[in-house]
Amino acid sequence: MYFDTQRDKLLKLNIKQLNPLTLAFIGDAVYELYIRNYVLTKNFEMSPHKMHIEAIKYVKAHSQSEFIKKLQDDLTEEEIYFFKKGRNAKSGTVPKNADVQEYRFATGFECLIGYLYITDKKDRLEYILEKIINY
């Protein structure tokens, strides 16, 4: 899941200066890939459409919002900082299938995932993603 040729460039960035929506952008992709891999390994006999339906249960804003609420007590101060930075970012739009609060929490969740990915905190990222799967 880690692409070493680009990793070196990302590690040189000052992470606190990045726009939280940029972190959420990469966090969304990392999380989606993780969930798709998980769904595939658990349901490889399913059709791709059914796997997509299963993956949506994890990646929709409502689910991400619920996951981050359950995780908050397990987060470090720095992780909470990035979650809140993403949650408080103004994205300008909200999908029609999510309310504003859920969408903001989901954006904060994705920002946290992006932060962990870009800073190469593999163990912590894996721990959080495994916890989500077990909820």
Protein backbone atom coordinates (compact mmCIF):
# COMPACT_ATOMS: atom_id res chain seq x y z
CA MET A 1 0.00 0.00 0.00
CA TYR A 2 2.97 2.31 0.41
CA PHE A 3 4.59 3.66 -2.70
CA ASP A 4 8.22 4.23 -1.77
CA THR A 5 9.16 6.44 -4.72
CA GLN A 6 6.65 9.07 -3.59
CA ARG A 7 7.01 8.43 0.14
CA ASP A 8 10.32 10.31 0.40
CA LYS A 9 8.76 13.44 -1.08
CA LEU A 10 5.78 13.27 1.26
CA LEU A 11 7.93 12.78 4.36
CA LYS A 12 9.77 16.05 3.60
CA LEU A 13 6.54 18.07 3.78
CA ASN A 14 5.71 20.11 6.84
CA ILE A 15 2.56 18.21 7.69
CA LYS A 16 1.04 20.95 9.86
CA GLN A 17 1.18 23.39 6.95
CA LEU A 18 -0.81 21.16 4.62
CA ASN A 19 -4.42 22.05 3.99
CA PRO A 20 -6.55 19.61 6.04
CA LEU A 21 -8.66 18.94 2.96
CA THR A 22 -5.49 17.81 1.19
CA LEU A 23 -4.87 15.34 4.02
CA ALA A 24 -8.50 14.22 3.77
CA PHE A 25 -8.08 13.78 0.00
CA ILE A 26 -5.22 11.31 0.44
CA GLY A 27 -6.81 9.79 3.56
CA ASP A 28 -9.98 9.03 1.63
CA ALA A 29 -8.00 7.12 -1.00
CA VAL A 30 -5.92 5.19 1.56
CA TYR A 31 -9.02 4.25 3.56
CA GLU A 32 -10.98 3.24 0.46
CA LEU A 33 -8.14 1.01 -0.74
CA TYR A 34 -7.83 -0.62 2.69
CA ILE A 35 -11.58 -1.31 2.87
CA ARG A 36 -11.69 -2.68 -0.67
CA ASN A 37 -8.83 -5.04 0.14
CA TYR A 38 -10.59 -6.12 3.31
CA VAL A 39 -13.90 -6.73 1.52
CA LEU A 40 -12.14 -8.64 -1.24
CA THR A 41 -10.31 -10.96 1.17
CA LYS A 42 -13.48 -11.68 3.16
CA ASN A 43 -15.86 -12.00 0.20
CA PHE A 44 -13.83 -13.00 -2.85
CA GLU A 45 -16.71 -15.16 -4.11
CA MET A 46 -19.04 -12.13 -4.33
CA SER A 47 -19.65 -10.23 -7.53
CA PRO A 48 -17.85 -6.88 -7.82
CA HIS A 49 -21.18 -5.09 -7.46
CA LYS A 50 -21.93 -6.86 -4.16
CA MET A 51 -18.39 -6.12 -2.95
CA HIS A 52 -18.98 -2.46 -3.79
CA ILE A 53 -22.22 -2.47 -1.78
CA GLU A 54 -20.36 -4.05 1.16
CA ALA A 55 -17.54 -1.49 0.95
CA ILE A 56 -20.00 1.40 0.97
CA LYS A 57 -21.06 0.36 4.48
CA TYR A 58 -17.58 1.36 5.69
CA VAL A 59 -16.77 4.37 3.54
CA LYS A 60 -19.94 6.44 3.66
CA ALA A 61 -19.87 9.61 5.75
CA HIS A 62 -22.27 8.24 8.37
CA SER A 63 -20.06 5.21 9.05
CA GLN A 64 -16.85 7.23 9.15
CA SER A 65 -18.49 9.64 11.57
CA GLU A 66 -19.52 6.79 13.86
CA PHE A 67 -16.07 5.18 13.67
CA ILE A 68 -14.22 8.36 14.66
CA LYS A 69 -16.59 8.91 17.61
CA LYS A 70 -15.75 5.42 18.88
CA LEU A 71 -12.02 5.95 18.31
CA GLN A 72 -11.64 9.36 19.96
CA ASP A 73 -10.65 7.99 23.38
CA ASP A 74 -7.85 5.95 21.75
CA LEU A 75 -6.31 8.85 19.83
CA THR A 76 -3.14 10.68 20.81
CA GLU A 77 -3.13 14.46 21.23
CA GLU A 78 -1.50 14.87 17.83
CA GLU A 79 -4.08 12.59 16.17
CA ILE A 80 -6.90 14.55 17.79
CA TYR A 81 -5.28 17.74 16.47
CA PHE A 82 -5.42 16.47 12.88
CA PHE A 83 -8.94 15.07 13.29
CA LYS A 84 -10.17 18.45 14.56
CA LYS A 85 -8.27 20.29 11.84
CA GLY A 86 -10.10 18.22 9.22
CA ARG A 87 -13.43 18.40 11.00
CA ASN A 88 -13.28 22.19 11.17
CA ALA A 89 -12.17 22.68 7.55
CA LYS A 90 -14.70 24.33 5.28
CA SER A 91 -15.15 22.17 2.21
CA GLY A 92 -17.88 24.24 0.58
CA THR A 93 -20.11 21.30 -0.28
CA VAL A 94 -21.88 18.50 1.57
CA PRO A 95 -23.12 15.37 -0.23
CA LYS A 96 -26.88 15.06 -0.33
CA ASN A 97 -26.78 11.69 1.45
CA ALA A 98 -25.05 13.05 4.59
CA ASP A 99 -25.83 15.77 7.09
CA VAL A 100 -23.31 18.52 7.77
CA GLN A 101 -22.10 17.21 11.14
CA GLU A 102 -21.58 13.67 9.83
CA TYR A 103 -19.74 15.00 6.79
CA ARG A 104 -17.44 17.15 8.92
CA PHE A 105 -16.64 14.26 11.25
CA ALA A 106 -15.97 12.05 8.21
CA THR A 107 -13.65 14.70 6.78
CA GLY A 108 -11.83 14.82 10.12
CA PHE A 109 -11.53 11.03 10.04
CA GLU A 110 -10.09 11.12 6.52
CA CYS A 111 -7.70 13.90 7.53
CA LEU A 112 -6.44 11.71 10.38
CA ILE A 113 -5.92 8.76 8.00
CA GLY A 114 -4.09 11.05 5.56
CA TYR A 115 -1.87 12.38 8.35
CA LEU A 116 -0.94 8.86 9.49
CA TYR A 117 -0.24 7.79 5.92
CA ILE A 118 1.88 10.79 4.93
CA THR A 119 3.91 10.68 8.15
CA ASP A 120 4.54 6.95 7.59
CA LYS A 121 3.01 5.89 10.90
CA LYS A 122 2.21 2.44 9.50
CA ASP A 123 1.72 0.68 12.83
CA ARG A 124 -0.68 3.32 14.11
CA LEU A 125 -2.58 3.44 10.83
CA GLU A 126 -2.93 -0.34 10.82
CA TYR A 127 -4.07 -0.32 14.46
CA ILE A 128 -6.83 2.22 13.76
CA LEU A 129 -7.98 0.49 10.56
CA GLU A 130 -8.09 -2.89 12.30
CA LYS A 131 -10.15 -1.40 15.12
CA ILE A 132 -12.65 -0.09 12.58
CA ILE A 133 -12.98 -3.51 10.97
CA ASN A 134 -13.66 -5.04 14.38
CA TYR A 135 -16.47 -2.59 15.28
